[in-house]
Structure formats: C-alpha cells, structure tokens
C-alpha cells in the first residue's frame, strides 16, 4: 500500500521537473525563435492547466512574455482570452495568505488562505509589471497600464492604471485621442 503512494509521489515530482525544464527551454527559445515561442508557449500553459483557447493567437496578436509569472497554487483558476498580450514581469496570483495575519490580529487560529480565480478577457493588453490579484476579472478589450495593481471587476473596453488600478477612460476615447494626435507608429 505504502509503495503505491511513494511511486505516485515520485511520478508527480518527475512530471513537475519535466514541466519546469520545458518552461526553461521555451524561455530560451524566445531569444532564438520568437515566432515559434509564441506558438508553443500557449500550448505549454494549457498543458499545466491554464484555461487558454486553442485559437489564442488568432490574428497572431496574442503574446505572453516568458517573464510573466502564473501562480502555481491551481493553474486551472487562471483564464486568458484570445489575442491578449501579457507583458514583461506580470504577476498573476490566485492565492493570498494575508487572512492569516488578520486572524492572528483578532486572536483567531491562524490558518487558511484565499484561493480565487483570475479571468483575463479577449484582446487585452496587460502592461509590464502589473500585479493581478486573486478574484480579478478583466473584461474584453481592456488596456492595463504598466505597474497597475488589479483587483475586482474591470469593465470591458476600459483603460486602467495605478495602484489600485482606476479607470482612466474608455478604449474608444483613448484610441480616438491617439488617432487624432497621430503619435503611434504603423
């Protein structure tokens, strides 16, 4: 009976080692062949349990930087919509142990944690170094400015920035302003 459990434990550890090695290989691939990396990395994320559609790169505009960190507490709690860009050093968390400190402060037993899903909609842009907290839902067509701390429901078609992230304007207003200014490169 005990040997079956030990073998299962060894198999789980072996699988985790191979997944870590696969991720490292994909990260190195991003420096050598970025297009191949862009095709293979979403498959890897699906393999570890992240909900990401087969047609994630429809139109070839979806991209997830290799430095992005996805909380391994339960990858199945993370959903990423198609054509979404996740920039450098973004952190996506599904767990939070802060409740332990709150419980300790009021004299309660200090065990427990939050474990909540994170949903990122379609055609979103998550700027560099954003922090996405447990329970966050980002609507479709949303741009999150670099360094934003995202929590709660963020409506579709929004531009948000800051700590905590606040809605700046609609994506339509923002886009029209930049079309008028012609301050972008084609």
N, C-alpha and C. Protein backbone atom coordinates (compact mmCIF):
# COMPACT_ATOMS: atom_id res chain seq x y z
N UNK A 1 0.83 -1.19 0.00
CA UNK A 1 0.00 0.00 0.00
C UNK A 1 0.87 1.25 0.00
N UNK A 2 1.87 1.26 0.86
CA UNK A 2 2.74 2.42 1.00
C UNK A 2 3.58 2.65 -0.26
N UNK A 3 4.03 1.57 -0.92
CA UNK A 3 4.86 1.74 -2.11
C UNK A 3 4.09 2.38 -3.25
N UNK A 4 2.80 2.11 -3.36
CA UNK A 4 1.99 2.75 -4.41
C UNK A 4 1.95 4.26 -4.24
N UNK A 5 1.80 4.70 -2.99
CA UNK A 5 1.78 6.13 -2.70
C UNK A 5 3.13 6.77 -3.01
N UNK A 6 4.22 6.07 -2.64
CA UNK A 6 5.57 6.58 -2.89
C UNK A 6 5.81 6.69 -4.38
N UNK A 7 5.42 5.67 -5.15
CA UNK A 7 5.60 5.73 -6.60
C UNK A 7 4.80 6.87 -7.22
N UNK A 8 3.58 7.08 -6.73
CA UNK A 8 2.75 8.18 -7.24
C UNK A 8 3.43 9.52 -6.95
N UNK A 9 3.97 9.66 -5.75
CA UNK A 9 4.69 10.88 -5.34
C UNK A 9 5.90 11.11 -6.24
N UNK A 10 6.67 10.05 -6.53
CA UNK A 10 7.84 10.16 -7.41
C UNK A 10 7.42 10.58 -8.81
N UNK A 11 6.33 9.98 -9.31
CA UNK A 11 5.85 10.33 -10.65
C UNK A 11 5.43 11.79 -10.73
N UNK A 12 4.76 12.28 -9.67
CA UNK A 12 4.33 13.68 -9.65
C UNK A 12 5.53 14.61 -9.64
N UNK A 13 6.56 14.27 -8.86
CA UNK A 13 7.77 15.09 -8.81
C UNK A 13 8.49 15.06 -10.15
N UNK A 14 8.56 13.88 -10.77
CA UNK A 14 9.21 13.77 -12.08
C UNK A 14 8.48 14.62 -13.11
N UNK A 15 7.16 14.56 -13.10
CA UNK A 15 6.37 15.35 -14.04
C UNK A 15 6.64 16.84 -13.84
N UNK A 16 6.68 17.28 -12.57
CA UNK A 16 6.93 18.69 -12.28
C UNK A 16 8.31 19.10 -12.78
N UNK A 17 9.32 18.25 -12.58
CA UNK A 17 10.67 18.55 -13.05
C UNK A 17 10.67 18.73 -14.56
N UNK A 18 10.00 17.83 -15.29
CA UNK A 18 9.95 17.94 -16.75
C UNK A 18 9.20 19.20 -17.20
N UNK A 19 8.15 19.57 -16.49
CA UNK A 19 7.42 20.80 -16.84
C UNK A 19 8.29 22.04 -16.61
N UNK A 20 9.05 22.04 -15.52
CA UNK A 20 9.96 23.16 -15.25
C UNK A 20 11.03 23.24 -16.33
N UNK A 21 11.58 22.10 -16.72
CA UNK A 21 12.59 22.08 -17.79
C UNK A 21 12.00 22.54 -19.12
N UNK A 22 10.77 22.11 -19.40
CA UNK A 22 10.10 22.53 -20.63
C UNK A 22 9.91 24.05 -20.64
N UNK A 23 9.51 24.62 -19.52
CA UNK A 23 9.32 26.07 -19.44
C UNK A 23 10.65 26.80 -19.67
N UNK A 24 11.72 26.30 -19.06
CA UNK A 24 13.04 26.92 -19.24
C UNK A 24 13.48 26.84 -20.70
N UNK A 25 13.23 25.71 -21.35
CA UNK A 25 13.57 25.56 -22.77
C UNK A 25 12.77 26.54 -23.63
N UNK A 26 11.48 26.70 -23.32
CA UNK A 26 10.66 27.65 -24.06
C UNK A 26 11.14 29.08 -23.86
N UNK A 27 11.56 29.39 -22.65
CA UNK A 27 12.09 30.73 -22.37
C UNK A 27 13.34 30.99 -23.21
N UNK A 28 14.23 30.00 -23.28
CA UNK A 28 15.43 30.15 -24.11
C UNK A 28 15.05 30.27 -25.58
N UNK A 29 14.05 29.50 -26.00
CA UNK A 29 13.58 29.56 -27.39
C UNK A 29 13.12 30.97 -27.75
N UNK A 30 12.56 31.70 -26.81
CA UNK A 30 12.06 33.05 -27.09
C UNK A 30 13.18 33.97 -27.56
N UNK A 31 14.43 33.69 -27.15
CA UNK A 31 15.56 34.51 -27.57
C UNK A 31 16.06 34.12 -28.96
N UNK A 32 15.81 32.88 -29.35
CA UNK A 32 16.33 32.36 -30.62
C UNK A 32 15.29 32.42 -31.73
N UNK A 33 14.05 32.03 -31.43
CA UNK A 33 12.99 31.99 -32.43
C UNK A 33 11.68 32.44 -31.78
N UNK A 34 11.48 33.74 -31.76
CA UNK A 34 10.33 34.32 -31.07
C UNK A 34 9.00 33.83 -31.63
N UNK A 35 8.91 33.67 -32.94
CA UNK A 35 7.65 33.23 -33.55
C UNK A 35 7.28 31.82 -33.10
N UNK A 36 8.26 30.93 -33.05
CA UNK A 36 7.99 29.57 -32.59
C UNK A 36 7.60 29.57 -31.10
N UNK A 37 8.30 30.39 -30.32
CA UNK A 37 7.94 30.53 -28.90
C UNK A 37 6.48 30.97 -28.76
N UNK A 38 6.06 31.95 -29.54
CA UNK A 38 4.69 32.47 -29.46
C UNK A 38 3.65 31.39 -29.77
N UNK A 39 4.01 30.44 -30.61
CA UNK A 39 3.10 29.34 -30.93
C UNK A 39 3.10 28.26 -29.84
N UNK A 40 4.28 27.96 -29.29
CA UNK A 40 4.41 26.84 -28.36
C UNK A 40 4.04 27.18 -26.92
N UNK A 41 4.29 28.42 -26.49
CA UNK A 41 4.06 28.75 -25.08
C UNK A 41 2.60 28.62 -24.65
N UNK A 42 1.63 29.08 -25.46
CA UNK A 42 0.23 28.86 -25.07
C UNK A 42 -0.12 27.37 -24.91
N UNK A 43 0.49 26.51 -25.71
CA UNK A 43 0.26 25.06 -25.57
C UNK A 43 0.78 24.57 -24.23
N UNK A 44 1.96 25.07 -23.86
CA UNK A 44 2.53 24.71 -22.56
C UNK A 44 1.61 25.16 -21.42
N UNK A 45 1.10 26.39 -21.52
CA UNK A 45 0.20 26.89 -20.48
C UNK A 45 -1.06 26.03 -20.37
N UNK A 46 -1.59 25.59 -21.50
CA UNK A 46 -2.75 24.67 -21.48
C UNK A 46 -2.36 23.36 -20.79
N UNK A 47 -1.17 22.87 -21.09
CA UNK A 47 -0.71 21.60 -20.52
C UNK A 47 -0.65 21.66 -18.99
N UNK A 48 -0.25 22.81 -18.43
CA UNK A 48 -0.15 22.90 -16.97
C UNK A 48 -1.49 23.24 -16.33
N UNK A 49 -2.52 23.53 -17.16
CA UNK A 49 -3.86 23.72 -16.61
C UNK A 49 -4.49 25.09 -16.80
N UNK A 50 -3.73 26.06 -17.31
CA UNK A 50 -4.30 27.39 -17.54
C UNK A 50 -5.31 27.31 -18.67
N UNK A 51 -6.45 27.96 -18.48
CA UNK A 51 -7.51 27.98 -19.49
C UNK A 51 -7.17 29.03 -20.54
N UNK A 52 -6.72 28.55 -21.68
CA UNK A 52 -6.33 29.42 -22.78
C UNK A 52 -6.81 28.75 -24.06
N UNK A 53 -7.57 29.45 -24.90
CA UNK A 53 -8.18 28.80 -26.06
C UNK A 53 -7.17 28.31 -27.10
N UNK A 54 -7.57 27.28 -27.82
CA UNK A 54 -6.74 26.75 -28.91
C UNK A 54 -6.41 27.84 -29.93
N UNK A 55 -7.38 28.73 -30.18
CA UNK A 55 -7.17 29.80 -31.17
C UNK A 55 -6.69 31.09 -30.50
N UNK A 56 -5.92 30.95 -29.42
CA UNK A 56 -5.42 32.10 -28.65
C UNK A 56 -4.75 33.15 -29.53
N UNK A 57 -3.95 32.72 -30.49
CA UNK A 57 -3.19 33.66 -31.32
C UNK A 57 -3.89 33.95 -32.65
N UNK A 58 -5.20 33.85 -32.68
CA UNK A 58 -5.96 34.18 -33.89
C UNK A 58 -5.57 35.59 -34.31
N UNK A 59 -5.12 35.75 -35.54
CA UNK A 59 -4.67 37.05 -35.99
C UNK A 59 -3.24 37.36 -35.56
N UNK A 60 -2.60 36.41 -34.89
CA UNK A 60 -1.20 36.49 -34.47
C UNK A 60 -0.89 37.65 -33.52
N UNK A 61 -1.90 38.19 -32.81
CA UNK A 61 -1.61 39.33 -31.94
C UNK A 61 -1.50 38.97 -30.46
N UNK A 62 -1.77 37.73 -30.08
CA UNK A 62 -1.61 37.32 -28.69
C UNK A 62 -0.15 37.07 -28.37
N UNK A 63 0.28 37.48 -27.18
CA UNK A 63 1.67 37.28 -26.77
C UNK A 63 1.75 37.23 -25.25
N UNK A 64 2.52 36.30 -24.73
CA UNK A 64 2.76 36.21 -23.29
C UNK A 64 4.27 36.19 -23.09
N UNK A 65 4.79 37.22 -22.45
CA UNK A 65 6.23 37.32 -22.24
C UNK A 65 6.71 36.17 -21.34
N UNK A 66 7.90 35.62 -21.63
CA UNK A 66 8.39 34.50 -20.83
C UNK A 66 8.65 34.85 -19.37
N UNK A 67 8.76 36.14 -19.04
CA UNK A 67 8.99 36.53 -17.65
C UNK A 67 7.71 36.63 -16.83
N UNK A 68 6.55 36.49 -17.47
CA UNK A 68 5.27 36.54 -16.74
C UNK A 68 5.21 35.37 -15.76
N UNK A 69 4.68 35.64 -14.56
CA UNK A 69 4.59 34.62 -13.52
C UNK A 69 3.13 34.27 -13.26
N UNK A 70 2.83 32.99 -13.35
CA UNK A 70 1.48 32.49 -13.07
C UNK A 70 1.52 31.65 -11.80
N UNK A 71 0.69 32.01 -10.83
CA UNK A 71 0.62 31.34 -9.54
C UNK A 71 0.31 29.86 -9.73
N UNK A 72 1.18 29.01 -9.17
CA UNK A 72 1.01 27.58 -9.31
C UNK A 72 0.12 26.93 -8.27
N UNK A 73 -0.56 27.73 -7.44
CA UNK A 73 -1.46 27.13 -6.44
C UNK A 73 -2.50 26.24 -7.11
N UNK A 74 -3.07 26.73 -8.19
CA UNK A 74 -4.01 25.94 -9.00
C UNK A 74 -4.15 26.65 -10.35
N UNK A 75 -3.37 26.21 -11.32
CA UNK A 75 -3.37 26.85 -12.64
C UNK A 75 -4.75 26.88 -13.28
N UNK A 76 -5.59 25.91 -12.91
CA UNK A 76 -6.93 25.84 -13.52
C UNK A 76 -7.79 27.04 -13.18
N UNK A 77 -7.40 27.82 -12.19
CA UNK A 77 -8.15 29.02 -11.80
C UNK A 77 -7.84 30.22 -12.69
N UNK A 78 -6.88 30.08 -13.61
CA UNK A 78 -6.46 31.19 -14.46
C UNK A 78 -7.03 30.99 -15.86
N UNK A 79 -7.70 32.04 -16.39
CA UNK A 79 -8.23 32.02 -17.76
C UNK A 79 -7.69 33.23 -18.51
N UNK A 80 -7.24 32.99 -19.74
CA UNK A 80 -6.71 34.06 -20.59
C UNK A 80 -7.44 34.00 -21.92
N UNK A 81 -8.06 35.11 -22.32
CA UNK A 81 -8.79 35.18 -23.57
C UNK A 81 -7.87 35.31 -24.78
N UNK A 82 -8.42 35.01 -25.96
CA UNK A 82 -7.59 35.04 -27.16
C UNK A 82 -7.15 36.47 -27.50
N UNK A 83 -6.00 36.54 -28.19
CA UNK A 83 -5.39 37.79 -28.65
C UNK A 83 -4.99 38.73 -27.51
N UNK A 84 -4.78 38.20 -26.34
CA UNK A 84 -4.36 39.03 -25.20
C UNK A 84 -2.84 39.06 -25.12
N UNK A 85 -2.31 40.23 -24.77
CA UNK A 85 -0.88 40.40 -24.56
C UNK A 85 -0.61 40.55 -23.07
N UNK A 86 0.31 39.74 -22.58
CA UNK A 86 0.75 39.84 -21.19
C UNK A 86 2.23 40.18 -21.23
N UNK A 87 2.54 41.38 -20.78
CA UNK A 87 3.89 41.94 -20.92
C UNK A 87 4.86 41.41 -19.87
N UNK A 88 6.03 41.97 -19.92
CA UNK A 88 7.16 41.62 -19.07
C UNK A 88 6.85 41.73 -17.58
N UNK A 89 7.25 40.73 -16.82
CA UNK A 89 7.20 40.71 -15.35
C UNK A 89 5.81 40.87 -14.75
N UNK A 90 4.78 40.49 -15.48
CA UNK A 90 3.42 40.50 -14.93
C UNK A 90 3.30 39.34 -13.94
N UNK A 91 2.61 39.56 -12.83
CA UNK A 91 2.38 38.52 -11.83
C UNK A 91 0.88 38.29 -11.71
N UNK A 92 0.47 37.03 -11.89
CA UNK A 92 -0.94 36.65 -11.77
C UNK A 92 -1.06 35.72 -10.56
N UNK A 93 -1.78 36.19 -9.53
CA UNK A 93 -1.93 35.42 -8.29
C UNK A 93 -3.35 34.89 -8.14
N UNK A 94 -3.46 33.65 -7.69
CA UNK A 94 -4.77 33.09 -7.36
C UNK A 94 -4.90 32.83 -5.86
N UNK A 95 -3.81 32.99 -5.13
CA UNK A 95 -3.84 32.75 -3.68
C UNK A 95 -3.38 34.00 -2.92
N UNK A 96 -3.76 34.06 -1.64
CA UNK A 96 -3.36 35.17 -0.78
C UNK A 96 -3.47 34.69 0.66
N UNK A 97 -2.37 34.72 1.38
CA UNK A 97 -2.35 34.26 2.76
C UNK A 97 -2.51 35.40 3.77
N UNK A 98 -2.87 36.60 3.33
CA UNK A 98 -3.00 37.74 4.24
C UNK A 98 -4.04 37.51 5.33
N UNK A 99 -5.03 36.67 5.06
CA UNK A 99 -6.07 36.39 6.06
C UNK A 99 -5.46 35.83 7.35
N UNK A 100 -4.33 35.13 7.24
CA UNK A 100 -3.66 34.59 8.42
C UNK A 100 -3.30 35.72 9.38
N UNK A 101 -2.77 36.81 8.85
CA UNK A 101 -2.39 37.95 9.69
C UNK A 101 -3.63 38.60 10.30
N UNK A 102 -4.69 38.69 9.53
CA UNK A 102 -5.94 39.24 10.05
C UNK A 102 -6.50 38.40 11.18
N UNK A 103 -6.48 37.09 10.99
CA UNK A 103 -6.97 36.18 12.02
C UNK A 103 -6.11 36.27 13.29
N UNK A 104 -4.79 36.34 13.10
CA UNK A 104 -3.90 36.48 14.25
C UNK A 104 -4.19 37.78 15.00
N UNK A 105 -4.45 38.85 14.28
CA UNK A 105 -4.68 40.16 14.89
C UNK A 105 -5.91 40.18 15.79
N UNK A 106 -6.90 39.33 15.49
CA UNK A 106 -8.12 39.31 16.32
C UNK A 106 -8.17 38.08 17.23
N UNK A 107 -7.01 37.41 17.38
CA UNK A 107 -6.91 36.31 18.33
C UNK A 107 -7.50 34.99 17.84
N UNK A 108 -7.70 34.84 16.55
CA UNK A 108 -8.24 33.59 15.99
C UNK A 108 -7.10 32.66 15.57
N UNK A 109 -7.46 31.42 15.33
CA UNK A 109 -6.49 30.45 14.83
C UNK A 109 -5.98 30.93 13.47
N UNK A 110 -4.67 30.90 13.31
CA UNK A 110 -4.05 31.48 12.12
C UNK A 110 -3.80 30.45 11.02
N UNK A 111 -4.87 29.93 10.43
CA UNK A 111 -4.73 29.05 9.27
C UNK A 111 -5.73 29.51 8.22
N UNK A 112 -5.45 29.16 7.00
CA UNK A 112 -6.36 29.48 5.91
C UNK A 112 -5.74 30.45 4.92
N UNK A 113 -6.36 30.53 3.78
CA UNK A 113 -5.94 31.47 2.75
C UNK A 113 -7.07 31.67 1.75
N UNK A 114 -6.92 32.70 0.94
CA UNK A 114 -7.86 32.94 -0.15
C UNK A 114 -7.37 32.17 -1.37
N UNK A 115 -8.27 31.60 -2.13
CA UNK A 115 -7.95 30.94 -3.39
C UNK A 115 -9.09 31.29 -4.33
N UNK A 116 -8.81 32.20 -5.28
CA UNK A 116 -9.86 32.72 -6.15
C UNK A 116 -9.38 32.73 -7.60
N UNK A 117 -10.31 32.58 -8.54
CA UNK A 117 -9.93 32.58 -9.96
C UNK A 117 -9.53 33.97 -10.46
N UNK A 118 -8.78 33.97 -11.55
CA UNK A 118 -8.43 35.19 -12.28
C UNK A 118 -8.86 34.98 -13.72
N UNK A 119 -9.61 35.94 -14.26
CA UNK A 119 -10.07 35.85 -15.65
C UNK A 119 -9.62 37.10 -16.39
N UNK A 120 -8.87 36.88 -17.47
CA UNK A 120 -8.42 37.96 -18.34
C UNK A 120 -9.15 37.78 -19.66
N UNK A 121 -9.88 38.81 -20.09
CA UNK A 121 -10.72 38.71 -21.28
C UNK A 121 -9.93 38.66 -22.58
N UNK A 122 -10.67 38.73 -23.67
CA UNK A 122 -10.08 38.70 -25.01
C UNK A 122 -9.55 40.08 -25.39
N UNK A 123 -8.49 40.06 -26.21
CA UNK A 123 -7.94 41.27 -26.81
C UNK A 123 -7.56 42.31 -25.76
N UNK A 124 -6.95 41.86 -24.67
CA UNK A 124 -6.50 42.76 -23.61
C UNK A 124 -5.00 43.01 -23.74
N UNK A 125 -4.54 44.09 -23.13
CA UNK A 125 -3.12 44.38 -23.02
C UNK A 125 -2.82 44.59 -21.55
N UNK A 126 -1.96 43.74 -21.00
CA UNK A 126 -1.56 43.84 -19.60
C UNK A 126 -0.13 44.37 -19.61
N UNK A 127 0.05 45.63 -19.16
CA UNK A 127 1.35 46.29 -19.21
C UNK A 127 2.38 45.67 -18.29
N UNK A 128 3.64 46.02 -18.53
CA UNK A 128 4.76 45.48 -17.76
C UNK A 128 4.57 45.69 -16.27
N UNK A 129 4.94 44.67 -15.53
CA UNK A 129 4.96 44.67 -14.06
C UNK A 129 3.60 44.90 -13.40
N UNK A 130 2.53 44.57 -14.09
CA UNK A 130 1.21 44.60 -13.45
C UNK A 130 1.12 43.45 -12.44
N UNK A 131 0.36 43.67 -11.40
CA UNK A 131 0.08 42.65 -10.41
C UNK A 131 -1.42 42.39 -10.45
N UNK A 132 -1.79 41.15 -10.78
CA UNK A 132 -3.20 40.77 -10.87
C UNK A 132 -3.52 39.91 -9.65
N UNK A 133 -4.38 40.43 -8.79
CA UNK A 133 -4.69 39.79 -7.51
C UNK A 133 -5.79 38.74 -7.64
N UNK A 134 -5.89 37.82 -6.67
CA UNK A 134 -6.92 36.78 -6.71
C UNK A 134 -8.32 37.38 -6.82
N UNK A 135 -9.15 36.75 -7.65
CA UNK A 135 -10.53 37.19 -7.82
C UNK A 135 -10.73 38.27 -8.86
N UNK A 136 -9.67 38.66 -9.56
CA UNK A 136 -9.77 39.72 -10.57
C UNK A 136 -10.41 39.20 -11.85
N UNK A 137 -11.29 40.00 -12.42
CA UNK A 137 -11.89 39.74 -13.73
C UNK A 137 -11.65 40.96 -14.60
N UNK A 138 -10.89 40.78 -15.67
CA UNK A 138 -10.59 41.86 -16.59
C UNK A 138 -11.42 41.64 -17.84
N UNK A 139 -12.27 42.61 -18.18
CA UNK A 139 -13.15 42.50 -19.33
C UNK A 139 -12.40 42.55 -20.65
N UNK A 140 -13.09 42.20 -21.72
CA UNK A 140 -12.52 42.21 -23.07
C UNK A 140 -12.07 43.62 -23.45
N UNK A 141 -11.09 43.70 -24.36
CA UNK A 141 -10.63 44.97 -24.94
C UNK A 141 -10.20 45.97 -23.88
N UNK A 142 -9.47 45.51 -22.88
CA UNK A 142 -9.04 46.38 -21.79
C UNK A 142 -7.53 46.53 -21.82
N UNK A 143 -7.06 47.75 -21.60
CA UNK A 143 -5.63 48.04 -21.50
C UNK A 143 -5.32 48.39 -20.06
N UNK A 144 -4.36 47.67 -19.48
CA UNK A 144 -3.94 47.90 -18.10
C UNK A 144 -2.54 48.50 -18.13
N UNK A 145 -2.41 49.74 -17.66
CA UNK A 145 -1.13 50.44 -17.68
C UNK A 145 -0.08 49.74 -16.84
N UNK A 146 1.18 49.87 -17.26
CA UNK A 146 2.29 49.24 -16.56
C UNK A 146 2.30 49.54 -15.08
N UNK A 147 2.59 48.52 -14.27
CA UNK A 147 2.69 48.66 -12.84
C UNK A 147 1.37 48.70 -12.10
N UNK A 148 0.26 48.57 -12.81
CA UNK A 148 -1.05 48.63 -12.16
C UNK A 148 -1.25 47.44 -11.22
N UNK A 149 -1.95 47.70 -10.12
CA UNK A 149 -2.35 46.63 -9.21
C UNK A 149 -3.83 46.42 -9.44
N UNK A 150 -4.16 45.26 -10.02
CA UNK A 150 -5.51 44.98 -10.50
C UNK A 150 -6.26 44.07 -9.54
N UNK A 151 -7.49 44.47 -9.21
CA UNK A 151 -8.32 43.69 -8.29
C UNK A 151 -9.78 43.96 -8.58
N UNK A 152 -10.61 42.96 -8.41
CA UNK A 152 -12.05 43.12 -8.62
C UNK A 152 -12.43 43.02 -10.09
N UNK A 153 -13.60 43.58 -10.42
CA UNK A 153 -14.10 43.54 -11.80
C UNK A 153 -13.66 44.80 -12.53
N UNK A 154 -12.99 44.60 -13.65
CA UNK A 154 -12.57 45.71 -14.51
C UNK A 154 -13.41 45.61 -15.77
N UNK A 155 -14.21 46.64 -16.06
CA UNK A 155 -15.14 46.55 -17.18
C UNK A 155 -14.46 46.43 -18.54
N UNK A 156 -15.14 45.78 -19.47
CA UNK A 156 -14.66 45.70 -20.85
C UNK A 156 -14.49 47.10 -21.42
N UNK A 157 -13.62 47.20 -22.42
CA UNK A 157 -13.40 48.45 -23.17
C UNK A 157 -12.92 49.59 -22.29
N UNK A 158 -12.04 49.27 -21.33
CA UNK A 158 -11.54 50.28 -20.39
C UNK A 158 -10.03 50.43 -20.49
N UNK A 159 -9.56 51.62 -20.11
CA UNK A 159 -8.15 51.87 -19.88
C UNK A 159 -8.03 52.07 -18.37
N UNK A 160 -7.17 51.27 -17.72
CA UNK A 160 -6.97 51.38 -16.27
C UNK A 160 -5.49 51.51 -15.96
N UNK A 161 -5.18 52.19 -14.86
CA UNK A 161 -3.79 52.35 -14.43
C UNK A 161 -3.78 52.69 -12.95
N UNK A 162 -2.63 52.49 -12.32
CA UNK A 162 -2.43 52.92 -10.95
C UNK A 162 -2.46 51.82 -9.92
N UNK A 163 -2.27 52.24 -8.66
CA UNK A 163 -2.27 51.34 -7.51
C UNK A 163 -3.11 51.97 -6.41
N UNK A 164 -4.33 51.48 -6.24
CA UNK A 164 -5.01 50.44 -7.01
C UNK A 164 -5.42 50.97 -8.39
N UNK A 165 -5.60 50.05 -9.33
CA UNK A 165 -5.97 50.44 -10.69
C UNK A 165 -7.32 51.15 -10.70
N UNK A 166 -7.37 52.25 -11.42
CA UNK A 166 -8.60 53.02 -11.60
C UNK A 166 -8.85 53.19 -13.09
N UNK A 167 -10.13 53.29 -13.45
CA UNK A 167 -10.50 53.50 -14.86
C UNK A 167 -10.13 54.93 -15.25
N UNK A 168 -9.40 55.07 -16.34
CA UNK A 168 -8.97 56.38 -16.85
C UNK A 168 -9.97 56.88 -17.89
N UNK A 169 -10.32 56.00 -18.82
CA UNK A 169 -11.27 56.35 -19.88
C UNK A 169 -11.66 55.07 -20.61
N UNK A 170 -12.50 55.22 -21.63
CA UNK A 170 -12.88 54.06 -22.45
C UNK A 170 -11.79 53.83 -23.49
N UNK A 171 -11.75 52.62 -24.02
CA UNK A 171 -10.77 52.33 -25.06
C UNK A 171 -11.06 53.15 -26.31
N UNK A 172 -12.33 53.42 -26.56
CA UNK A 172 -12.71 54.24 -27.72
C UNK A 172 -12.16 55.66 -27.58
N UNK A 173 -12.36 56.28 -26.41
CA UNK A 173 -11.84 57.63 -26.18
C UNK A 173 -10.32 57.66 -26.35
N UNK A 174 -9.66 56.69 -25.74
CA UNK A 174 -8.20 56.62 -25.78
C UNK A 174 -7.70 56.46 -27.21
N UNK A 175 -8.33 55.56 -27.95
CA UNK A 175 -7.90 55.29 -29.33
C UNK A 175 -8.13 56.50 -30.21
N UNK A 176 -9.29 57.13 -30.11
CA UNK A 176 -9.58 58.32 -30.92
C UNK A 176 -8.58 59.45 -30.62
N UNK A 177 -8.21 59.61 -29.36
CA UNK A 177 -7.22 60.63 -28.99
C UNK A 177 -5.89 60.37 -29.69
N UNK A 178 -5.47 59.10 -29.73
CA UNK A 178 -4.19 58.79 -30.36
C UNK A 178 -4.28 58.84 -31.88
N UNK A 179 -5.44 58.55 -32.44
CA UNK A 179 -5.62 58.71 -33.89
C UNK A 179 -5.50 60.19 -34.24
N UNK A 180 -6.14 61.03 -33.45
CA UNK A 180 -6.09 62.47 -33.67
C UNK A 180 -4.67 63.01 -33.53
N UNK A 181 -3.95 62.57 -32.53
CA UNK A 181 -2.58 63.03 -32.30
C UNK A 181 -1.59 62.42 -33.30
N UNK A 182 -1.95 61.29 -33.88
CA UNK A 182 -1.07 60.53 -34.78
C UNK A 182 0.30 60.29 -34.13
N UNK A 183 0.28 59.85 -32.90
CA UNK A 183 1.52 59.66 -32.16
C UNK A 183 1.94 58.19 -32.04
N UNK A 184 1.48 57.37 -32.95
CA UNK A 184 1.83 55.95 -32.94
C UNK A 184 2.50 55.59 -34.25
N UNK A 185 3.21 54.48 -34.25
CA UNK A 185 3.96 54.02 -35.42
C UNK A 185 3.24 52.83 -36.04
N UNK A 186 3.09 52.85 -37.35
CA UNK A 186 2.48 51.71 -38.04
C UNK A 186 3.54 50.77 -38.54
